Amino acid sequence: MGKNFLYMLITVAGAVGVYWLWAFELALNENAGLAVSTLAAVLFSYFFYRRKDR
């Protein structure tokens, strides 16, 4: 298992964590939580993509 797997694992865990905080801890709309967690996953992926180039 390489670095890419670790980055993917962190991205998925981060997106699930954002959804959990949004939908269950803050008790906000679950559909909006899915949208926000998807955005978080895209941002995590972009961050790791930029980090990999260095």
PDB file of N, CA and C in Angstrom:
ATOM      1  N   MET A   1       0.842  -1.172   0.000  1.00  0.00           N
ATOM      2  CA  MET A   1       0.000   0.000   0.000  1.00  0.00           C
ATOM      3  C   MET A   1       0.889   1.238   0.000  1.00  0.00           C
ATOM      4  N   GLY A   2       0.582   2.114  -0.920  1.00  0.00           N
ATOM      5  CA  GLY A   2       1.415   3.301  -1.054  1.00  0.00           C
ATOM      6  C   GLY A   2       0.769   4.545  -0.484  1.00  0.00           C
ATOM      7  N   LYS A   3       1.416   5.651  -0.826  1.00  0.00           N
ATOM      8  CA  LYS A   3       0.931   6.946  -0.373  1.00  0.00           C
ATOM      9  C   LYS A   3      -0.458   7.248  -0.909  1.00  0.00           C
ATOM     10  N   ASN A   4      -0.715   6.850  -2.157  1.00  0.00           N
ATOM     11  CA  ASN A   4      -2.009   7.163  -2.762  1.00  0.00           C
ATOM     12  C   ASN A   4      -3.157   6.533  -1.984  1.00  0.00           C
ATOM     13  N   PHE A   5      -2.948   5.325  -1.480  1.00  0.00           N
ATOM     14  CA  PHE A   5      -3.993   4.681  -0.687  1.00  0.00           C
ATOM     15  C   PHE A   5      -4.245   5.457   0.601  1.00  0.00           C
ATOM     16  N   LEU A   6      -3.183   5.927   1.230  1.00  0.00           N
ATOM     17  CA  LEU A   6      -3.328   6.717   2.452  1.00  0.00           C
ATOM     18  C   LEU A   6      -4.093   8.006   2.169  1.00  0.00           C
ATOM     19  N   TYR A   7      -3.761   8.672   1.068  1.00  0.00           N
ATOM     20  CA  TYR A   7      -4.471   9.901   0.703  1.00  0.00           C
ATOM     21  C   TYR A   7      -5.943   9.619   0.439  1.00  0.00           C
ATOM     22  N   MET A   8      -6.246   8.503  -0.226  1.00  0.00           N
ATOM     23  CA  MET A   8      -7.636   8.149  -0.495  1.00  0.00           C
ATOM     24  C   MET A   8      -8.364   7.862   0.814  1.00  0.00           C
ATOM     25  N   LEU A   9      -7.714   7.159   1.715  1.00  0.00           N
ATOM     26  CA  LEU A   9      -8.319   6.834   3.004  1.00  0.00           C
ATOM     27  C   LEU A   9      -8.613   8.099   3.810  1.00  0.00           C
ATOM     28  N   ILE A  10      -7.687   9.035   3.821  1.00  0.00           N
ATOM     29  CA  ILE A  10      -7.897  10.298   4.528  1.00  0.00           C
ATOM     30  C   ILE A  10      -9.028  11.095   3.884  1.00  0.00           C
ATOM     31  N   THR A  11      -9.090  11.089   2.555  1.00  0.00           N
ATOM     32  CA  THR A  11     -10.147  11.810   1.846  1.00  0.00           C
ATOM     33  C   THR A  11     -11.518  11.251   2.182  1.00  0.00           C
ATOM     34  N   VAL A  12     -11.656   9.937   2.148  1.00  0.00           N
ATOM     35  CA  VAL A  12     -12.948   9.307   2.444  1.00  0.00           C
ATOM     36  C   VAL A  12     -13.325   9.525   3.907  1.00  0.00           C
ATOM     37  N   ALA A  13     -12.373   9.345   4.809  1.00  0.00           N
ATOM     38  CA  ALA A  13     -12.658   9.552   6.231  1.00  0.00           C
ATOM     39  C   ALA A  13     -13.029  11.007   6.511  1.00  0.00           C
ATOM     40  N   GLY A  14     -12.367  11.923   5.847  1.00  0.00           N
ATOM     41  CA  GLY A  14     -12.697  13.339   6.019  1.00  0.00           C
ATOM     42  C   GLY A  14     -14.088  13.668   5.516  1.00  0.00           C
ATOM     43  N   ALA A  15     -14.456  13.120   4.362  1.00  0.00           N
ATOM     44  CA  ALA A  15     -15.789  13.374   3.809  1.00  0.00           C
ATOM     45  C   ALA A  15     -16.875  12.772   4.695  1.00  0.00           C
ATOM     46  N   VAL A  16     -16.648  11.564   5.177  1.00  0.00           N
ATOM     47  CA  VAL A  16     -17.625  10.934   6.073  1.00  0.00           C
ATOM     48  C   VAL A  16     -17.708  11.709   7.387  1.00  0.00           C
ATOM     49  N   GLY A  17     -16.585  12.177   7.875  1.00  0.00           N
ATOM     50  CA  GLY A  17     -16.577  12.974   9.097  1.00  0.00           C
ATOM     51  C   GLY A  17     -17.340  14.281   8.947  1.00  0.00           C
ATOM     52  N   VAL A  18     -17.161  14.938   7.815  1.00  0.00           N
ATOM     53  CA  VAL A  18     -17.902  16.176   7.558  1.00  0.00           C
ATOM     54  C   VAL A  18     -19.388  15.888   7.494  1.00  0.00           C
ATOM     55  N   TYR A  19     -19.782  14.812   6.820  1.00  0.00           N
ATOM     56  CA  TYR A  19     -21.204  14.459   6.744  1.00  0.00           C
ATOM     57  C   TYR A  19     -21.759  14.152   8.133  1.00  0.00           C
ATOM     58  N   TRP A  20     -21.006  13.398   8.922  1.00  0.00           N
ATOM     59  CA  TRP A  20     -21.459  13.035  10.265  1.00  0.00           C
ATOM     60  C   TRP A  20     -21.658  14.283  11.131  1.00  0.00           C
ATOM     61  N   LEU A  21     -20.685  15.204  11.074  1.00  0.00           N
ATOM     62  CA  LEU A  21     -20.826  16.439  11.843  1.00  0.00           C
ATOM     63  C   LEU A  21     -22.038  17.240  11.386  1.00  0.00           C
ATOM     64  N   TRP A  22     -22.205  17.356  10.070  1.00  0.00           N
ATOM     65  CA  TRP A  22     -23.288  18.165   9.511  1.00  0.00           C
ATOM     66  C   TRP A  22     -24.652  17.571   9.842  1.00  0.00           C
ATOM     67  N   ALA A  23     -24.811  16.281   9.583  1.00  0.00           N
ATOM     68  CA  ALA A  23     -26.139  15.663   9.668  1.00  0.00           C
ATOM     69  C   ALA A  23     -26.520  15.250  11.087  1.00  0.00           C
ATOM     70  N   PHE A  24     -25.569  14.788  11.866  1.00  0.00           N
ATOM     71  CA  PHE A  24     -25.923  14.216  13.162  1.00  0.00           C
ATOM     72  C   PHE A  24     -25.551  15.109  14.345  1.00  0.00           C
ATOM     73  N   GLU A  25     -24.381  15.672  14.347  1.00  0.00           N
ATOM     74  CA  GLU A  25     -23.981  16.519  15.472  1.00  0.00           C
ATOM     75  C   GLU A  25     -24.670  17.879  15.415  1.00  0.00           C
ATOM     76  N   LEU A  26     -24.735  18.476  14.221  1.00  0.00           N
ATOM     77  CA  LEU A  26     -25.358  19.792  14.087  1.00  0.00           C
ATOM     78  C   LEU A  26     -26.844  19.700  13.767  1.00  0.00           C
ATOM     79  N   ALA A  27     -27.329  18.493  13.446  1.00  0.00           N
ATOM     80  CA  ALA A  27     -28.744  18.228  13.138  1.00  0.00           C
ATOM     81  C   ALA A  27     -29.263  19.119  12.015  1.00  0.00           C
ATOM     82  N   LEU A  28     -28.456  19.261  10.961  1.00  0.00           N
ATOM     83  CA  LEU A  28     -28.872  20.038   9.799  1.00  0.00           C
ATOM     84  C   LEU A  28     -29.363  19.089   8.709  1.00  0.00           C
ATOM     85  N   ASN A  29     -29.801  19.638   7.602  1.00  0.00           N
ATOM     86  CA  ASN A  29     -30.375  18.868   6.507  1.00  0.00           C
ATOM     87  C   ASN A  29     -29.374  17.829   5.981  1.00  0.00           C
ATOM     88  N   GLU A  30     -29.814  16.568   5.892  1.00  0.00           N
ATOM     89  CA  GLU A  30     -28.916  15.492   5.453  1.00  0.00           C
ATOM     90  C   GLU A  30     -28.528  15.632   3.986  1.00  0.00           C
ATOM     91  N   ASN A  31     -29.450  16.099   3.146  1.00  0.00           N
ATOM     92  CA  ASN A  31     -29.117  16.269   1.730  1.00  0.00           C
ATOM     93  C   ASN A  31     -28.050  17.346   1.542  1.00  0.00           C
ATOM     94  N   ALA A  32     -28.159  18.412   2.282  1.00  0.00           N
ATOM     95  CA  ALA A  32     -27.121  19.442   2.232  1.00  0.00           C
ATOM     96  C   ALA A  32     -25.812  18.884   2.785  1.00  0.00           C
ATOM     97  N   GLY A  33     -25.899  18.011   3.776  1.00  0.00           N
ATOM     98  CA  GLY A  33     -24.703  17.376   4.321  1.00  0.00           C
ATOM     99  C   GLY A  33     -23.983  16.533   3.285  1.00  0.00           C
ATOM    100  N   LEU A  34     -24.751  15.850   2.440  1.00  0.00           N
ATOM    101  CA  LEU A  34     -24.129  15.076   1.359  1.00  0.00           C
ATOM    102  C   LEU A  34     -23.405  15.992   0.386  1.00  0.00           C
ATOM    103  N   ALA A  35     -24.025  17.122   0.069  1.00  0.00           N
ATOM    104  CA  ALA A  35     -23.391  18.075  -0.841  1.00  0.00           C
ATOM    105  C   ALA A  35     -22.119  18.657  -0.227  1.00  0.00           C
ATOM    106  N   VAL A  36     -22.178  19.001   1.039  1.00  0.00           N
ATOM    107  CA  VAL A  36     -21.012  19.573   1.717  1.00  0.00           C
ATOM    108  C   VAL A  36     -19.898  18.538   1.844  1.00  0.00           C
ATOM    109  N   SER A  37     -20.252  17.298   2.136  1.00  0.00           N
ATOM    110  CA  SER A  37     -19.214  16.266   2.261  1.00  0.00           C
ATOM    111  C   SER A  37     -18.580  15.955   0.908  1.00  0.00           C
ATOM    112  N   THR A  38     -19.360  16.036  -0.158  1.00  0.00           N
ATOM    113  CA  THR A  38     -18.796  15.855  -1.499  1.00  0.00           C
ATOM    114  C   THR A  38     -17.823  16.981  -1.816  1.00  0.00           C
ATOM    115  N   LEU A  39     -18.199  18.195  -1.482  1.00  0.00           N
ATOM    116  CA  LEU A  39     -17.301  19.333  -1.676  1.00  0.00           C
ATOM    117  C   LEU A  39     -16.026  19.163  -0.850  1.00  0.00           C
ATOM    118  N   ALA A  40     -16.161  18.687   0.371  1.00  0.00           N
ATOM    119  CA  ALA A  40     -14.987  18.448   1.214  1.00  0.00           C
ATOM    120  C   ALA A  40     -14.079  17.393   0.593  1.00  0.00           C
ATOM    121  N   ALA A  41     -14.663  16.335   0.026  1.00  0.00           N
ATOM    122  CA  ALA A  41     -13.857  15.290  -0.615  1.00  0.00           C
ATOM    123  C   ALA A  41     -13.105  15.846  -1.817  1.00  0.00           C
ATOM    124  N   VAL A  42     -13.762  16.694  -2.592  1.00  0.00           N
ATOM    125  CA  VAL A  42     -13.095  17.309  -3.749  1.00  0.00           C
ATOM    126  C   VAL A  42     -11.945  18.192  -3.279  1.00  0.00           C
ATOM    127  N   LEU A  43     -12.164  18.952  -2.224  1.00  0.00           N
ATOM    128  CA  LEU A  43     -11.101  19.815  -1.704  1.00  0.00           C
ATOM    129  C   LEU A  43      -9.938  19.005  -1.136  1.00  0.00           C
ATOM    130  N   PHE A  44     -10.239  17.924  -0.406  1.00  0.00           N
ATOM    131  CA  PHE A  44      -9.175  17.037   0.075  1.00  0.00           C
ATOM    132  C   PHE A  44      -8.384  16.460  -1.097  1.00  0.00           C
ATOM    133  N   SER A  45      -9.086  16.003  -2.117  1.00  0.00           N
ATOM    134  CA  SER A  45      -8.420  15.413  -3.278  1.00  0.00           C
ATOM    135  C   SER A  45      -7.524  16.428  -3.969  1.00  0.00           C
ATOM    136  N   TYR A  46      -8.013  17.648  -4.114  1.00  0.00           N
ATOM    137  CA  TYR A  46      -7.215  18.698  -4.745  1.00  0.00           C
ATOM    138  C   TYR A  46      -5.971  18.996  -3.916  1.00  0.00           C
ATOM    139  N   PHE A  47      -6.131  19.060  -2.598  1.00  0.00           N
ATOM    140  CA  PHE A  47      -4.993  19.319  -1.722  1.00  0.00           C
ATOM    141  C   PHE A  47      -3.933  18.230  -1.872  1.00  0.00           C
ATOM    142  N   PHE A  48      -4.363  16.970  -1.868  1.00  0.00           N
ATOM    143  CA  PHE A  48      -3.401  15.879  -1.984  1.00  0.00           C
ATOM    144  C   PHE A  48      -2.802  15.802  -3.382  1.00  0.00           C
ATOM    145  N   TYR A  49      -3.564  16.185  -4.404  1.00  0.00           N
ATOM    146  CA  TYR A  49      -3.028  16.221  -5.769  1.00  0.00           C
ATOM    147  C   TYR A  49      -1.913  17.260  -5.853  1.00  0.00           C
ATOM    148  N   ARG A  50      -2.141  18.432  -5.268  1.00  0.00           N
ATOM    149  CA  ARG A  50      -1.123  19.478  -5.284  1.00  0.00           C
ATOM    150  C   ARG A  50       0.087  19.066  -4.445  1.00  0.00           C
ATOM    151  N   ARG A  51      -0.152  18.385  -3.351  1.00  0.00           N
ATOM    152  CA  ARG A  51       0.932  17.952  -2.474  1.00  0.00           C
ATOM    153  C   ARG A  51       1.790  16.884  -3.153  1.00  0.00           C
ATOM    154  N   LYS A  52       1.158  16.027  -3.960  1.00  0.00           N
ATOM    155  CA  LYS A  52       1.880  14.942  -4.628  1.00  0.00           C
ATOM    156  C   LYS A  52       2.850  15.487  -5.672  1.00  0.00           C
ATOM    157  N   ASP A  53       2.512  16.626  -6.287  1.00  0.00           N
ATOM    158  CA  ASP A  53       3.366  17.201  -7.325  1.00  0.00           C
ATOM    159  C   ASP A  53       4.671  17.754  -6.766  1.00  0.00           C
ATOM    160  N   ARG A  54       4.713  18.056  -5.485  1.00  0.00           N
ATOM    161  CA  ARG A  54       5.923  18.652  -4.893  1.00  0.00           C
ATOM    162  C   ARG A  54       6.962  17.624  -4.588  1.00  0.00           C
TER     163      ARG A  54
END
